[in-house]
Amino acid sequence: MPSPLLERLSRLATLHDLLAQALAQGLPGRESDELQEAMGCERKALYRHAQDLRELGAPVDYDEGLRRWRYTQVWNPPVPWTWTVDGALALRLSMDYLLDPQLEYDLREVVAVPSDLSLRENNQTLPRLTARFSKSILPHLSMAIREHRVLRFEYRKPNGETSVREVRPHSVFEWNGMPYLQATEKTDSGNGIKRFAFSRIAKPVALDEAFKPPARKKLPTCLGAFCADVFTAELVADAQQASYVLERRWHPEQTTRELPNGAVAFTLPFGDFDEAARWIVGQGVGIRPVAPRQLVGAWRKMVRQLALQAGV
């Protein structure tokens, strides 16, 4: 059973999310039955949680004429209000404030929690995040993505160099246990999407400057931390590795084809040749790239380096 604190926070996040969405979408509000079903509570508890939000400063109103709950104006929760919860649940609750339903879908596979710890649907598996980052950045990222506001933050490169970035944040992406912010640089007149690792982001601030988000279909969906030039990797798994590939779906655009000799040919989208080569090597012996030529070259170079390192 969830603890009273976890249950309360989850219901508050759900109530806020639905009321904020209704306001953003120009809806007259939400009916009590709809809120009760989403929150998993009785009518009395709904009124109690609405009062909880009011005490936090939320402009919660119940329209007697329309018989609907609504926000009278835009409101954001206090930044620290989930800091009493740690781990994946804190991330889930912080990001549950997002207005963008598609972004919540993106996060569903990134940060899931045991079903007895959350009232949200589809949270049925343990979190797979292995990244280490400050959870205090999450509400700020949420706010900027939700309200389509320019985000300013300090970003640390792998070599330790730090710079201040101003970006238009669009969505969240996970790769190898690390969540990334997908965004375009404010100074970029095109749609050059970049991915920023949560672990390297510090001191984020959502600015007052708003922007028009790109169409969802224009956002990259390739595997990896890099997404500048997306390409299709053509791969082959030998007969010994065939079942390993056939049992997995790493990406929605993945294609798989069984070959007469028992091997499997499959394709995956990547955004960087070296990163794709590292992923292939990480799958172990039996999987190799066949195209494009640049990927095959990067893979062969990496295999030779590993052989030298092993003293072969």
Protein backbone atom coordinates (compact mmCIF):
# COMPACT_ATOMS: atom_id res chain seq x y z
CA MET A 1 0.00 0.00 0.00
CA PRO A 2 1.29 3.49 -0.77
CA SER A 3 2.15 5.67 2.21
CA PRO A 4 -0.16 8.63 2.98
CA LEU A 5 2.52 11.06 1.77
CA LEU A 6 3.03 9.28 -1.57
CA GLU A 7 -0.71 8.94 -2.09
CA ARG A 8 -1.32 12.60 -1.32
CA LEU A 9 1.46 13.85 -3.59
CA SER A 10 0.35 11.64 -6.45
CA ARG A 11 -3.25 12.84 -6.16
CA LEU A 12 -2.20 16.48 -5.90
CA ALA A 13 -0.04 16.08 -9.02
CA THR A 14 -2.94 14.47 -10.89
CA LEU A 15 -5.44 17.16 -9.84
CA HIS A 16 -3.05 19.97 -10.77
CA ASP A 17 -2.19 18.34 -14.09
CA LEU A 18 -5.84 17.99 -15.16
CA LEU A 19 -6.86 21.49 -14.10
CA ALA A 20 -3.81 23.07 -15.73
CA GLN A 21 -4.46 21.15 -18.95
CA ALA A 22 -8.09 22.29 -19.02
CA LEU A 23 -7.03 25.92 -18.64
CA ALA A 24 -4.35 25.63 -21.33
CA GLN A 25 -6.77 23.96 -23.75
CA GLY A 26 -9.54 26.52 -23.16
CA LEU A 27 -11.91 23.98 -21.57
CA PRO A 28 -14.55 25.11 -19.03
CA GLY A 29 -13.08 22.82 -16.39
CA ARG A 30 -13.26 19.22 -15.17
CA GLU A 31 -16.24 17.37 -13.72
CA SER A 32 -15.95 15.81 -10.28
CA ASP A 33 -16.46 12.27 -11.60
CA GLU A 34 -13.59 12.67 -14.07
CA LEU A 35 -11.24 13.96 -11.36
CA GLN A 36 -12.24 11.27 -8.87
CA GLU A 37 -11.62 8.52 -11.39
CA ALA A 38 -8.21 9.92 -12.37
CA MET A 39 -7.17 10.47 -8.75
CA GLY A 40 -8.60 7.21 -7.45
CA CYS A 41 -10.48 8.84 -4.57
CA GLU A 42 -13.93 9.60 -3.23
CA ARG A 43 -15.71 12.97 -3.47
CA LYS A 44 -14.76 13.98 0.06
CA ALA A 45 -11.07 13.39 -0.70
CA LEU A 46 -11.35 15.45 -3.90
CA TYR A 47 -12.57 18.47 -1.90
CA ARG A 48 -9.79 17.94 0.64
CA HIS A 49 -7.08 17.83 -2.05
CA ALA A 50 -8.57 20.87 -3.79
CA GLN A 51 -8.19 22.72 -0.48
CA ASP A 52 -4.60 21.43 -0.23
CA LEU A 53 -3.86 23.07 -3.58
CA ARG A 54 -5.53 26.32 -2.47
CA GLU A 55 -3.28 26.40 0.61
CA LEU A 56 -0.30 26.10 -1.72
CA GLY A 57 -1.58 29.16 -3.57
CA ALA A 58 -3.37 27.45 -6.47
CA PRO A 59 -6.34 29.39 -7.96
CA VAL A 60 -8.76 26.45 -7.65
CA ASP A 61 -12.42 27.31 -8.22
CA TYR A 62 -15.61 25.26 -8.40
CA ASP A 63 -18.18 26.72 -10.79
CA GLU A 64 -21.60 25.89 -9.34
CA GLY A 65 -23.35 26.75 -12.60
CA LEU A 66 -21.20 24.52 -14.80
CA ARG A 67 -20.55 22.06 -11.96
CA ARG A 68 -16.90 21.91 -12.92
CA TRP A 69 -13.53 22.42 -11.23
CA ARG A 70 -11.10 24.85 -12.85
CA TYR A 71 -8.06 27.08 -12.45
CA THR A 72 -8.92 30.76 -12.79
CA GLN A 73 -5.39 31.56 -14.02
CA VAL A 74 -2.06 29.90 -14.81
CA TRP A 75 -0.32 28.55 -11.72
CA ASN A 76 2.79 26.49 -11.04
CA PRO A 77 3.41 24.41 -7.91
CA PRO A 78 6.15 25.51 -5.51
CA VAL A 79 9.44 24.15 -6.85
CA PRO A 80 10.46 22.15 -3.71
CA TRP A 81 7.14 20.42 -3.03
CA THR A 82 8.33 16.94 -4.03
CA TRP A 83 11.78 17.19 -2.51
CA THR A 84 10.61 15.10 0.43
CA VAL A 85 10.49 12.10 -1.94
CA ASP A 86 13.63 10.54 -3.42
CA GLY A 87 14.51 8.45 -6.43
CA ALA A 88 12.40 7.62 -9.46
CA LEU A 89 9.15 8.55 -7.72
CA ALA A 90 10.39 12.12 -7.18
CA LEU A 91 11.18 12.36 -10.89
CA ARG A 92 7.81 10.93 -11.85
CA LEU A 93 5.90 13.30 -9.59
CA SER A 94 7.90 16.34 -10.63
CA MET A 95 7.43 15.65 -14.32
CA ASP A 96 3.76 14.69 -13.93
CA TYR A 97 3.00 18.42 -13.85
CA LEU A 98 3.59 18.60 -17.60
CA LEU A 99 0.77 19.87 -19.76
CA ASP A 100 2.06 18.08 -22.86
CA PRO A 101 0.40 14.63 -22.87
CA GLN A 102 2.92 13.35 -25.39
CA LEU A 103 5.79 14.24 -23.08
CA GLU A 104 4.23 12.23 -20.30
CA TYR A 105 4.03 9.34 -22.77
CA ASP A 106 7.73 9.80 -23.50
CA LEU A 107 8.49 9.60 -19.80
CA ARG A 108 6.30 6.59 -19.11
CA GLU A 109 9.03 4.21 -20.24
CA VAL A 110 11.82 6.38 -18.85
CA VAL A 111 10.60 6.65 -15.27
CA ALA A 112 8.15 4.02 -14.16
CA VAL A 113 7.56 3.15 -10.50
CA PRO A 114 6.10 0.10 -8.79
CA SER A 115 2.33 0.14 -9.19
CA ASP A 116 1.76 0.21 -5.43
CA LEU A 117 3.61 3.53 -5.17
CA SER A 118 1.65 5.54 -7.72
CA LEU A 119 -1.94 6.07 -8.76
CA ARG A 120 -0.90 6.73 -12.34
CA GLU A 121 -1.72 4.17 -15.01
CA ASN A 122 1.03 2.22 -16.77
CA ASN A 123 3.53 2.61 -13.92
CA GLN A 124 4.03 -1.13 -13.67
CA THR A 125 7.80 -1.62 -13.90
CA LEU A 126 10.83 -0.65 -11.87
CA PRO A 127 12.77 2.44 -13.00
CA ARG A 128 15.69 1.82 -15.31
CA LEU A 129 17.35 5.19 -14.79
CA THR A 130 21.00 4.87 -13.78
CA ALA A 131 21.87 8.55 -14.17
CA ARG A 132 22.91 10.72 -11.23
CA PHE A 133 21.56 14.28 -11.33
CA SER A 134 20.00 16.87 -9.05
CA LYS A 135 16.26 16.40 -8.77
CA SER A 136 15.97 20.12 -8.01
CA ILE A 137 16.28 20.81 -11.77
CA LEU A 138 13.11 18.85 -12.61
CA PRO A 139 10.36 21.36 -11.79
CA HIS A 140 12.21 24.04 -13.77
CA LEU A 141 12.51 21.79 -16.81
CA SER A 142 8.86 20.82 -16.41
CA MET A 143 7.73 24.42 -16.32
CA ALA A 144 9.75 25.45 -19.37
CA ILE A 145 8.56 22.49 -21.47
CA ARG A 146 4.97 22.79 -20.32
CA GLU A 147 4.64 26.52 -20.99
CA HIS A 148 6.92 26.65 -24.07
CA ARG A 149 9.33 29.09 -22.41
CA VAL A 150 13.01 29.61 -23.20
CA LEU A 151 15.21 27.81 -20.68
CA ARG A 152 18.56 29.13 -19.45
CA PHE A 153 21.01 26.83 -17.67
CA GLU A 154 24.68 26.09 -17.11
CA TYR A 155 25.88 23.08 -19.10
CA ARG A 156 29.05 21.10 -18.42
CA LYS A 157 30.74 19.29 -21.30
CA PRO A 158 32.52 15.94 -20.78
CA ASN A 159 35.88 17.78 -20.66
CA GLY A 160 34.64 19.91 -17.75
CA GLU A 161 34.12 23.11 -19.76
CA THR A 162 31.00 25.00 -18.65
CA SER A 163 28.88 27.45 -20.62
CA VAL A 164 25.52 29.18 -20.23
CA ARG A 165 22.93 27.97 -22.74
CA GLU A 166 19.54 29.39 -23.73
CA VAL A 167 17.36 26.83 -25.49
CA ARG A 168 13.81 26.14 -26.58
CA PRO A 169 12.96 22.91 -24.70
CA HIS A 170 10.69 20.40 -26.42
CA SER A 171 10.73 16.97 -24.79
CA VAL A 172 12.63 14.42 -22.71
CA PHE A 173 14.51 11.43 -24.10
CA GLU A 174 16.21 8.51 -22.34
CA TRP A 175 19.32 6.66 -23.48
CA ASN A 176 21.27 4.06 -21.48
CA GLY A 177 19.67 5.13 -18.22
CA MET A 178 20.29 8.87 -18.73
CA PRO A 179 17.40 11.28 -19.39
CA TYR A 180 18.16 14.00 -21.94
CA LEU A 181 16.45 17.30 -22.64
CA GLN A 182 15.65 17.65 -26.36
CA ALA A 183 15.88 21.30 -27.32
CA THR A 184 16.92 23.77 -30.00
CA GLU A 185 19.41 26.55 -29.33
CA LYS A 186 17.71 29.94 -29.04
CA THR A 187 20.09 31.32 -31.68
CA ASP A 188 19.37 28.46 -34.10
CA SER A 189 17.00 29.68 -36.82
CA GLY A 190 16.41 26.12 -38.03
CA ASN A 191 15.23 23.01 -36.22
CA GLY A 192 18.61 21.61 -35.16
CA ILE A 193 17.58 19.47 -32.19
CA LYS A 194 20.22 18.82 -29.52
CA ARG A 195 20.14 16.55 -26.50
CA PHE A 196 21.39 17.75 -23.11
CA ALA A 197 22.15 15.19 -20.37
CA PHE A 198 20.31 15.89 -17.11
CA SER A 199 23.50 15.13 -15.17
CA ARG A 200 25.30 18.08 -16.82
CA ILE A 201 22.52 20.67 -16.37
CA ALA A 202 22.77 23.13 -13.46
CA LYS A 203 20.88 26.25 -12.31
CA PRO A 204 18.01 26.06 -14.86
CA VAL A 205 15.66 29.05 -15.08
CA ALA A 206 12.50 29.28 -17.19
CA LEU A 207 12.57 32.74 -18.80
CA ASP A 208 9.52 34.85 -19.62
CA GLU A 209 10.26 34.58 -23.35
CA ALA A 210 7.82 32.17 -25.04
CA PHE A 211 8.21 30.30 -28.32
CA LYS A 212 6.12 28.27 -30.75
CA PRO A 213 7.02 24.56 -30.42
CA PRO A 214 7.78 22.50 -33.55
CA ALA A 215 5.43 19.77 -34.70
CA ARG A 216 5.92 16.57 -32.71
CA LYS A 217 6.73 14.64 -35.89
CA LYS A 218 9.76 16.90 -36.46
CA LEU A 219 11.44 15.82 -33.22
CA PRO A 220 14.11 13.11 -33.67
CA THR A 221 13.42 9.66 -32.30
CA CYS A 222 16.75 7.98 -33.06
CA LEU A 223 18.74 6.03 -30.49
CA GLY A 224 21.70 7.68 -28.78
CA ALA A 225 22.67 10.96 -27.17
CA PHE A 226 23.34 12.62 -30.54
CA CYS A 227 20.65 13.40 -33.08
CA ALA A 228 22.07 15.95 -35.53
CA ASP A 229 22.21 13.73 -38.62
CA VAL A 230 19.89 10.76 -38.29
CA PHE A 231 20.73 7.71 -40.41
CA THR A 232 19.52 4.11 -40.65
CA ALA A 233 21.96 1.47 -39.45
CA GLU A 234 21.65 -1.85 -41.29
CA LEU A 235 22.74 -4.71 -39.04
CA VAL A 236 22.97 -8.50 -39.11
CA ALA A 237 22.84 -10.88 -36.15
CA ASP A 238 24.17 -14.40 -36.71
CA ALA A 239 22.12 -17.51 -35.98
CA GLN A 240 23.34 -17.69 -32.38
CA GLN A 241 22.19 -14.10 -31.69
CA ALA A 242 19.01 -14.24 -33.82
CA SER A 243 16.64 -15.01 -30.96
CA TYR A 244 18.19 -12.19 -28.88
CA VAL A 245 17.27 -9.69 -31.61
CA LEU A 246 13.86 -11.16 -32.42
CA GLU A 247 12.81 -10.87 -28.76
CA ARG A 248 13.62 -7.15 -28.59
CA ARG A 249 12.34 -3.89 -30.00
CA TRP A 250 14.80 -1.09 -29.32
CA HIS A 251 12.98 1.54 -31.39
CA PRO A 252 9.49 1.99 -32.95
CA GLU A 253 11.06 2.30 -36.43
CA GLN A 254 13.07 -0.91 -36.06
CA THR A 255 12.62 -3.41 -38.89
CA THR A 256 13.51 -7.11 -38.62
CA ARG A 257 13.87 -9.79 -41.32
CA GLU A 258 14.82 -13.45 -40.84
CA LEU A 259 17.38 -14.80 -43.30
CA PRO A 260 17.53 -18.32 -44.81
CA ASN A 261 20.73 -19.21 -42.92
CA GLY A 262 19.09 -18.54 -39.55
CA ALA A 263 20.57 -15.06 -39.16
CA VAL A 264 18.48 -11.89 -38.73
CA ALA A 265 18.82 -8.60 -40.59
CA PHE A 266 17.49 -5.54 -38.78
CA THR A 267 17.63 -1.75 -38.94
CA LEU A 268 17.76 0.98 -36.28
CA PRO A 269 18.00 4.80 -36.48
CA PHE A 270 21.03 6.52 -34.91
CA GLY A 271 22.37 10.07 -34.94
CA ASP A 272 26.12 9.45 -34.62
CA PHE A 273 28.36 6.77 -36.21
CA ASP A 274 30.71 6.36 -33.25
CA GLU A 275 27.82 6.07 -30.82
CA ALA A 276 26.14 3.47 -33.02
CA ALA A 277 29.42 1.54 -33.18
CA ARG A 278 29.67 1.56 -29.37
CA TRP A 279 26.11 0.25 -29.11
CA ILE A 280 26.83 -2.59 -31.56
CA VAL A 281 30.00 -3.59 -29.70
CA GLY A 282 28.03 -3.51 -26.45
CA GLN A 283 25.63 -6.15 -27.76
CA GLY A 284 28.48 -8.68 -27.83
CA VAL A 285 29.82 -11.07 -30.44
CA GLY A 286 27.51 -11.98 -33.30
CA ILE A 287 26.07 -8.60 -34.30
CA ARG A 288 27.76 -6.50 -36.99
CA PRO A 289 26.85 -3.54 -39.22
CA VAL A 290 26.65 -3.86 -43.01
CA ALA A 291 25.69 -0.26 -43.92
CA PRO A 292 26.21 2.64 -44.19
CA ARG A 293 29.93 2.58 -45.01
CA GLN A 294 30.84 5.18 -42.35
CA LEU A 295 29.25 3.04 -39.63
CA VAL A 296 31.08 -0.09 -40.77
CA GLY A 297 34.35 1.85 -40.67
CA ALA A 298 33.68 3.25 -37.17
CA TRP A 299 32.76 -0.25 -35.91
CA ARG A 300 35.90 -1.86 -37.37
CA LYS A 301 38.10 0.83 -35.85
CA MET A 302 36.51 0.27 -32.43
CA VAL A 303 36.92 -3.50 -32.67
CA ARG A 304 40.62 -3.07 -33.56
CA GLN A 305 41.10 -0.73 -30.58
CA LEU A 306 39.48 -3.26 -28.27
CA ALA A 307 41.71 -6.01 -29.66
CA LEU A 308 44.81 -3.90 -29.01
CA GLN A 309 43.60 -3.11 -25.51
CA ALA A 310 43.12 -6.83 -24.85
CA GLY A 311 46.60 -7.55 -26.18
CA VAL A 312 45.32 -9.68 -29.05
